[in-house]
C-alpha atoms as a PDB file:
ATOM      1  CA  MET A   1      58.968 158.503 234.106  1.00  0.00           C
ATOM      2  CA  GLU A   2      59.685 161.822 235.771  1.00  0.00           C
ATOM      3  CA  GLU A   3      58.508 163.763 232.884  1.00  0.00           C
ATOM      4  CA  ALA A   4      55.180 161.631 232.606  1.00  0.00           C
ATOM      5  CA  TYR A   5      54.739 162.214 236.481  1.00  0.00           C
ATOM      6  CA  VAL A   6      54.988 166.056 235.991  1.00  0.00           C
ATOM      7  CA  ARG A   7      52.376 165.837 233.131  1.00  0.00           C
ATOM      8  CA  GLY A   8      50.143 163.703 235.267  1.00  0.00           C
ATOM      9  CA  ASP A   9      50.345 160.828 232.954  1.00  0.00           C
ATOM     10  CA  LEU A  10      50.094 157.932 235.293  1.00  0.00           C
ATOM     11  CA  GLU A  11      49.603 155.475 232.403  1.00  0.00           C
ATOM     12  CA  ALA A  12      52.995 156.530 230.944  1.00  0.00           C
ATOM     13  CA  CYS A  13      54.484 156.338 234.567  1.00  0.00           C
ATOM     14  CA  THR A  14      53.192 152.779 234.919  1.00  0.00           C
ATOM     15  CA  ALA A  15      54.502 151.671 231.447  1.00  0.00           C
ATOM     16  CA  LEU A  16      58.040 153.353 232.100  1.00  0.00           C
ATOM     17  CA  ASN A  17      58.133 151.713 235.506  1.00  0.00           C
ATOM     18  CA  PHE A  18      57.821 148.388 233.917  1.00  0.00           C
ATOM     19  CA  GLU A  19      60.401 149.272 231.318  1.00  0.00           C
ATOM     20  CA  PHE A  20      62.877 150.339 234.022  1.00  0.00           C
ATOM     21  CA  HIS A  21      62.532 147.033 235.751  1.00  0.00           C
ATOM     22  CA  ARG A  22      62.765 145.071 232.402  1.00  0.00           C
ATOM     23  CA  SER A  23      65.900 147.059 231.478  1.00  0.00           C
ATOM     24  CA  VAL A  24      67.784 146.443 234.813  1.00  0.00           C
ATOM     25  CA  ILE A  25      66.889 142.748 234.698  1.00  0.00           C
ATOM     26  CA  HIS A  26      68.048 142.411 231.221  1.00  0.00           C
ATOM     27  CA  CYS A  27      71.302 144.186 231.908  1.00  0.00           C
ATOM     28  CA  ALA A  28      71.935 142.084 234.929  1.00  0.00           C
ATOM     29  CA  GLY A  29      72.092 138.891 232.743  1.00  0.00           C
ATOM     30  CA  ASN A  30      70.848 136.807 235.628  1.00  0.00           C
ATOM     31  CA  SER A  31      68.363 134.083 234.660  1.00  0.00           C
ATOM     32  CA  VAL A  32      67.239 133.388 238.104  1.00  0.00           C
ATOM     33  CA  LEU A  33      66.511 137.046 238.691  1.00  0.00           C
ATOM     34  CA  LYS A  34      64.728 137.281 235.437  1.00  0.00           C
ATOM     35  CA  LYS A  35      62.448 134.219 236.118  1.00  0.00           C
ATOM     36  CA  SER A  36      61.859 135.506 239.739  1.00  0.00           C
ATOM     37  CA  ILE A  37      60.731 139.152 238.632  1.00  0.00           C
ATOM     38  CA  SER A  38      58.860 137.865 235.511  1.00  0.00           C
ATOM     39  CA  SER A  39      56.661 135.840 237.814  1.00  0.00           C
ATOM     40  CA  ILE A  40      56.014 138.855 240.001  1.00  0.00           C
ATOM     41  CA  MET A  41      55.176 140.903 236.947  1.00  0.00           C
ATOM     42  CA  LYS A  42      52.616 138.584 235.664  1.00  0.00           C
ATOM     43  CA  GLY A  43      51.050 137.951 239.065  1.00  0.00           C
ATOM     44  CA  PRO A  44      48.612 139.870 241.120  1.00  0.00           C
ATOM     45  CA  GLY A  45      51.324 141.823 242.847  1.00  0.00           C
ATOM     46  CA  TRP A  46      52.177 143.597 239.654  1.00  0.00           C
ATOM     47  CA  PHE A  47      48.516 144.357 238.952  1.00  0.00           C
ATOM     48  CA  TRP A  48      48.435 146.066 242.354  1.00  0.00           C
ATOM     49  CA  LEU A  49      51.568 148.021 241.491  1.00  0.00           C
ATOM     50  CA  THR A  50      49.942 149.434 238.384  1.00  0.00           C
ATOM     51  CA  ARG A  51      46.684 150.212 240.309  1.00  0.00           C
ATOM     52  CA  VAL A  52      48.200 151.964 243.156  1.00  0.00           C
ATOM     53  CA  TYR A  53      49.788 154.559 240.999  1.00  0.00           C
ATOM     54  CA  TYR A  54      46.343 155.830 240.180  1.00  0.00           C
ATOM     55  CA  GLU A  55      45.290 155.553 243.912  1.00  0.00           C
ATOM     56  CA  LYS A  56      48.453 157.113 245.325  1.00  0.00           C
ATOM     57  CA  PRO A  57      50.303 159.104 242.616  1.00  0.00           C
ATOM     58  CA  VAL A  58      52.665 160.274 245.336  1.00  0.00           C
ATOM     59  CA  LEU A  59      54.253 156.781 245.223  1.00  0.00           C
ATOM     60  CA  VAL A  60      55.338 157.516 241.567  1.00  0.00           C
ATOM     61  CA  PHE A  61      57.536 160.165 242.887  1.00  0.00           C
ATOM     62  CA  SER A  62      58.860 157.711 245.483  1.00  0.00           C
ATOM     63  CA  SER A  63      59.745 155.115 242.759  1.00  0.00           C
ATOM     64  CA  ILE A  64      61.452 157.811 240.660  1.00  0.00           C
ATOM     65  CA  ALA A  65      63.723 158.710 243.577  1.00  0.00           C
ATOM     66  CA  GLU A  66      64.436 155.032 244.282  1.00  0.00           C
ATOM     67  CA  HIS A  67      65.144 154.118 240.621  1.00  0.00           C
ATOM     68  CA  LYS A  68      67.555 156.966 240.470  1.00  0.00           C
ATOM     69  CA  MET A  69      69.290 155.785 243.391  1.00  0.00           C
ATOM     70  CA  ILE A  70      69.513 152.303 242.043  1.00  0.00           C
ATOM     71  CA  LEU A  71      70.910 153.719 238.696  1.00  0.00           C
ATOM     72  CA  GLU A  72      73.577 155.842 240.526  1.00  0.00           C
ATOM     73  CA  ALA A  73      74.622 152.745 242.449  1.00  0.00           C
ATOM     74  CA  ILE A  74      74.869 150.666 239.097  1.00  0.00           C
ATOM     75  CA  LYS A  75      76.943 153.547 237.364  1.00  0.00           C
ATOM     76  CA  SER A  76      79.349 153.572 240.375  1.00  0.00           C
ATOM     77  CA  HIS A  77      79.880 149.723 239.981  1.00  0.00           C
ATOM     78  CA  ASP A  78      79.133 149.397 243.744  1.00  0.00           C
ATOM     79  CA  ALA A  79      77.430 145.958 244.124  1.00  0.00           C
ATOM     80  CA  GLU A  80      76.776 146.469 247.771  1.00  0.00           C
ATOM     81  CA  ALA A  81      75.153 149.844 246.995  1.00  0.00           C
ATOM     82  CA  VAL A  82      72.985 148.384 244.357  1.00  0.00           C
ATOM     83  CA  GLU A  83      71.857 145.679 246.784  1.00  0.00           C
ATOM     84  CA  ARG A  84      70.953 148.244 249.506  1.00  0.00           C
ATOM     85  CA  CYS A  85      69.089 150.296 247.066  1.00  0.00           C
ATOM     86  CA  VAL A  86      67.148 147.400 245.453  1.00  0.00           C
ATOM     87  CA  ARG A  87      66.363 145.891 248.950  1.00  0.00           C
ATOM     88  CA  ALA A  88      65.061 149.270 250.048  1.00  0.00           C
ATOM     89  CA  HIS A  89      62.985 149.575 246.964  1.00  0.00           C
ATOM     90  CA  PHE A  90      61.391 146.245 247.502  1.00  0.00           C
ATOM     91  CA  SER A  91      60.967 146.950 251.093  1.00  0.00           C
ATOM     92  CA  ASN A  92      59.087 150.252 250.342  1.00  0.00           C
ATOM     93  CA  ILE A  93      56.989 148.382 247.828  1.00  0.00           C
ATOM     94  CA  ARG A  94      56.197 145.685 250.522  1.00  0.00           C
ATOM     95  CA  LEU A  95      55.119 148.218 253.144  1.00  0.00           C
ATOM     96  CA  ASN A  96      52.804 149.947 250.569  1.00  0.00           C
ATOM     97  CA  TRP A  97      51.421 146.506 249.700  1.00  0.00           C
ATOM     98  CA  ASP A  98      50.867 145.660 253.171  1.00  0.00           C
ATOM     99  CA  ASP A  99      49.213 149.091 253.856  1.00  0.00           C
ATOM    100  CA  GLN A 100      46.898 148.787 250.871  1.00  0.00           C
ATOM    101  CA  MET A 101      45.992 145.262 251.563  1.00  0.00           C
ATOM    102  CA  GLY A 102      45.292 146.049 255.343  1.00  0.00           C
ATOM    103  CA  ARG A 103      42.983 149.122 254.183  1.00  0.00           C
ATOM    104  CA  GLU A 104      41.050 146.791 251.610  1.00  0.00           C
ATOM    105  CA  GLU A 105      40.641 144.097 254.381  1.00  0.00           C
ATOM    106  CA  GLU A 106      39.229 146.668 256.833  1.00  0.00           C
ATOM    107  CA  GLU A 107      36.937 148.112 254.043  1.00  0.00           C
ATOM    108  CA  GLU A 108      35.631 144.576 253.305  1.00  0.00           C
ATOM    109  CA  ARG A 109      34.905 144.066 257.147  1.00  0.00           C
ATOM    110  CA  VAL A 110      33.015 147.300 257.318  1.00  0.00           C
ATOM    111  CA  THR A 111      30.808 146.683 254.310  1.00  0.00           C
END
């Protein structure tokens, strides 16, 4: 994902982002987590996540950094650190979602 970002290949960044999440979920072996995340990946939220990379490429860099922190926590076998990193990642996604949706609502009111 980092190499794709450096090349400016946002399509590859999106595909690799999906692959990162699928891999982590697969390795977790948690069927509840898999169902929960799968529903998000198929819904409008995931569509937004792919679109936002094209609108705000700096978020790709943030995702890369957050993914690295998650992987380091996994490698250290520190469940609490993994949880903190994943929660922070989802929190940042949510903040960006809220920010984007607020701007779109404002644009709709103006037009």
